[in-house]
Amino acid sequence: MPGLLRGVARTAVIAGTATSVSNRVSRRQAGRWAQQEPQAQQPAQPEPAAQPAQNPTDNTIDQLKDLGELRDKGILTDAEFETQKRRILGS
């Protein structure tokens, strides 16, 4: 009889644990589905418009400013600065 009682108790513990785990998994999955549901119901968001192309003059000015900063920091010599400035200005 003690062996039978031990077997029944073990079965009850295993069944209780399995039920608990199963319920936890079900609740977790239901939570995930609930989070996904509002996203699926929302209309598709349009992609943000692409940035308008920068004016070539603005780009040239930015390049010259960067070039001047490199010269001021001593990274470029005056001769290198003049060469690159001519290249940017196309002269």
C-alpha atoms as a PDB file:
ATOM      1  CA  MET A   1       0.000   0.000   0.000  1.00  0.00           C
ATOM      2  CA  PRO A   2       2.776   2.550   0.743  1.00  0.00           C
ATOM      3  CA  GLY A   3       4.121   2.067  -2.783  1.00  0.00           C
ATOM      4  CA  LEU A   4       0.706   2.698  -4.273  1.00  0.00           C
ATOM      5  CA  LEU A   5       0.254   5.861  -2.220  1.00  0.00           C
ATOM      6  CA  ARG A   6       3.695   7.088  -3.238  1.00  0.00           C
ATOM      7  CA  GLY A   7       2.850   6.461  -6.920  1.00  0.00           C
ATOM      8  CA  VAL A   8      -0.461   8.300  -6.653  1.00  0.00           C
ATOM      9  CA  ALA A   9       1.230  11.240  -4.896  1.00  0.00           C
ATOM     10  CA  ARG A  10       3.956  11.408  -7.541  1.00  0.00           C
ATOM     11  CA  THR A  11       1.352  11.333 -10.309  1.00  0.00           C
ATOM     12  CA  ALA A  12      -0.588  14.140  -8.625  1.00  0.00           C
ATOM     13  CA  VAL A  13       2.550  16.289  -8.321  1.00  0.00           C
ATOM     14  CA  ILE A  14       3.531  15.684 -11.947  1.00  0.00           C
ATOM     15  CA  ALA A  15       0.003  16.395 -13.175  1.00  0.00           C
ATOM     16  CA  GLY A  16      -0.202  19.585 -11.088  1.00  0.00           C
ATOM     17  CA  THR A  17       3.158  20.795 -12.363  1.00  0.00           C
ATOM     18  CA  ALA A  18       2.207  20.042 -15.966  1.00  0.00           C
ATOM     19  CA  THR A  19      -1.079  21.902 -15.576  1.00  0.00           C
ATOM     20  CA  SER A  20       0.652  24.906 -14.032  1.00  0.00           C
ATOM     21  CA  VAL A  21       3.251  25.084 -16.801  1.00  0.00           C
ATOM     22  CA  SER A  22       0.607  24.628 -19.488  1.00  0.00           C
ATOM     23  CA  ASN A  23      -1.518  27.442 -18.044  1.00  0.00           C
ATOM     24  CA  ARG A  24       1.493  29.751 -17.809  1.00  0.00           C
ATOM     25  CA  VAL A  25       2.418  29.078 -21.437  1.00  0.00           C
ATOM     26  CA  SER A  26      -1.181  29.668 -22.546  1.00  0.00           C
ATOM     27  CA  ARG A  27      -1.368  33.003 -20.697  1.00  0.00           C
ATOM     28  CA  ARG A  28       1.969  34.115 -22.124  1.00  0.00           C
ATOM     29  CA  GLN A  29       0.901  33.221 -25.665  1.00  0.00           C
ATOM     30  CA  ALA A  30      -2.454  34.978 -25.228  1.00  0.00           C
ATOM     31  CA  GLY A  31      -0.574  38.088 -24.088  1.00  0.00           C
ATOM     32  CA  ARG A  32       1.617  37.993 -27.169  1.00  0.00           C
ATOM     33  CA  TRP A  33      -1.400  37.616 -29.438  1.00  0.00           C
ATOM     34  CA  ALA A  34      -3.112  40.517 -27.685  1.00  0.00           C
ATOM     35  CA  GLN A  35      -0.069  42.711 -28.327  1.00  0.00           C
ATOM     36  CA  GLN A  36       0.046  41.737 -31.992  1.00  0.00           C
ATOM     37  CA  GLU A  37      -3.678  42.249 -32.555  1.00  0.00           C
ATOM     38  CA  PRO A  38      -3.717  46.078 -32.201  1.00  0.00           C
ATOM     39  CA  GLN A  39      -0.735  46.308 -34.531  1.00  0.00           C
ATOM     40  CA  ALA A  40      -2.532  44.254 -37.166  1.00  0.00           C
ATOM     41  CA  GLN A  41      -5.639  46.454 -36.922  1.00  0.00           C
ATOM     42  CA  GLN A  42      -3.736  49.723 -37.335  1.00  0.00           C
ATOM     43  CA  PRO A  43      -3.573  51.018 -40.891  1.00  0.00           C
ATOM     44  CA  ALA A  44      -0.180  50.782 -42.501  1.00  0.00           C
ATOM     45  CA  GLN A  45       1.934  53.792 -41.714  1.00  0.00           C
ATOM     46  CA  PRO A  46       3.212  55.542 -44.833  1.00  0.00           C
ATOM     47  CA  GLU A  47       6.957  55.653 -45.107  1.00  0.00           C
ATOM     48  CA  PRO A  48       8.434  59.044 -44.345  1.00  0.00           C
ATOM     49  CA  ALA A  49       9.102  61.101 -47.421  1.00  0.00           C
ATOM     50  CA  ALA A  50      12.668  61.068 -48.614  1.00  0.00           C
ATOM     51  CA  GLN A  51      14.722  64.099 -47.816  1.00  0.00           C
ATOM     52  CA  PRO A  52      14.652  66.539 -50.711  1.00  0.00           C
ATOM     53  CA  ALA A  53      17.872  66.608 -52.680  1.00  0.00           C
ATOM     54  CA  GLN A  54      20.292  69.117 -51.298  1.00  0.00           C
ATOM     55  CA  ASN A  55      21.019  72.122 -53.434  1.00  0.00           C
ATOM     56  CA  PRO A  56      24.398  71.617 -55.172  1.00  0.00           C
ATOM     57  CA  THR A  57      25.460  75.057 -53.948  1.00  0.00           C
ATOM     58  CA  ASP A  58      24.767  74.057 -50.353  1.00  0.00           C
ATOM     59  CA  ASN A  59      26.781  70.870 -50.847  1.00  0.00           C
ATOM     60  CA  THR A  60      29.693  72.869 -52.276  1.00  0.00           C
ATOM     61  CA  ILE A  61      29.606  75.289 -49.357  1.00  0.00           C
ATOM     62  CA  ASP A  62      29.553  72.393 -46.870  1.00  0.00           C
ATOM     63  CA  GLN A  63      32.524  70.758 -48.598  1.00  0.00           C
ATOM     64  CA  LEU A  64      34.482  74.010 -48.544  1.00  0.00           C
ATOM     65  CA  LYS A  65      33.699  74.518 -44.846  1.00  0.00           C
ATOM     66  CA  ASP A  66      34.901  70.984 -44.074  1.00  0.00           C
ATOM     67  CA  LEU A  67      38.013  71.564 -46.134  1.00  0.00           C
ATOM     68  CA  GLY A  68      38.708  74.825 -44.273  1.00  0.00           C
ATOM     69  CA  GLU A  69      38.332  73.049 -40.931  1.00  0.00           C
ATOM     70  CA  LEU A  70      40.832  70.394 -42.015  1.00  0.00           C
ATOM     71  CA  ARG A  71      43.291  73.124 -42.996  1.00  0.00           C
ATOM     72  CA  ASP A  72      42.730  74.984 -39.709  1.00  0.00           C
ATOM     73  CA  LYS A  73      43.400  71.785 -37.756  1.00  0.00           C
ATOM     74  CA  GLY A  74      46.659  71.267 -39.645  1.00  0.00           C
ATOM     75  CA  ILE A  75      45.509  68.115 -41.395  1.00  0.00           C
ATOM     76  CA  LEU A  76      45.833  69.734 -44.829  1.00  0.00           C
ATOM     77  CA  THR A  77      48.603  72.018 -46.005  1.00  0.00           C
ATOM     78  CA  ASP A  78      47.758  75.281 -47.771  1.00  0.00           C
ATOM     79  CA  ALA A  79      48.749  73.733 -51.110  1.00  0.00           C
ATOM     80  CA  GLU A  80      46.516  70.688 -50.524  1.00  0.00           C
ATOM     81  CA  PHE A  81      43.681  72.987 -49.473  1.00  0.00           C
ATOM     82  CA  GLU A  82      44.002  75.039 -52.690  1.00  0.00           C
ATOM     83  CA  THR A  83      44.108  71.885 -54.848  1.00  0.00           C
ATOM     84  CA  GLN A  84      40.986  70.451 -53.236  1.00  0.00           C
ATOM     85  CA  LYS A  85      39.213  73.803 -53.333  1.00  0.00           C
ATOM     86  CA  ARG A  86      39.806  74.019 -57.100  1.00  0.00           C
ATOM     87  CA  ARG A  87      38.524  70.470 -57.532  1.00  0.00           C
ATOM     88  CA  ILE A  88      35.329  71.251 -55.594  1.00  0.00           C
ATOM     89  CA  LEU A  89      34.755  74.503 -57.443  1.00  0.00           C
ATOM     90  CA  GLY A  90      35.528  72.844 -60.779  1.00  0.00           C
ATOM     91  CA  SER A  91      38.113  75.396 -61.834  1.00  0.00           C
END
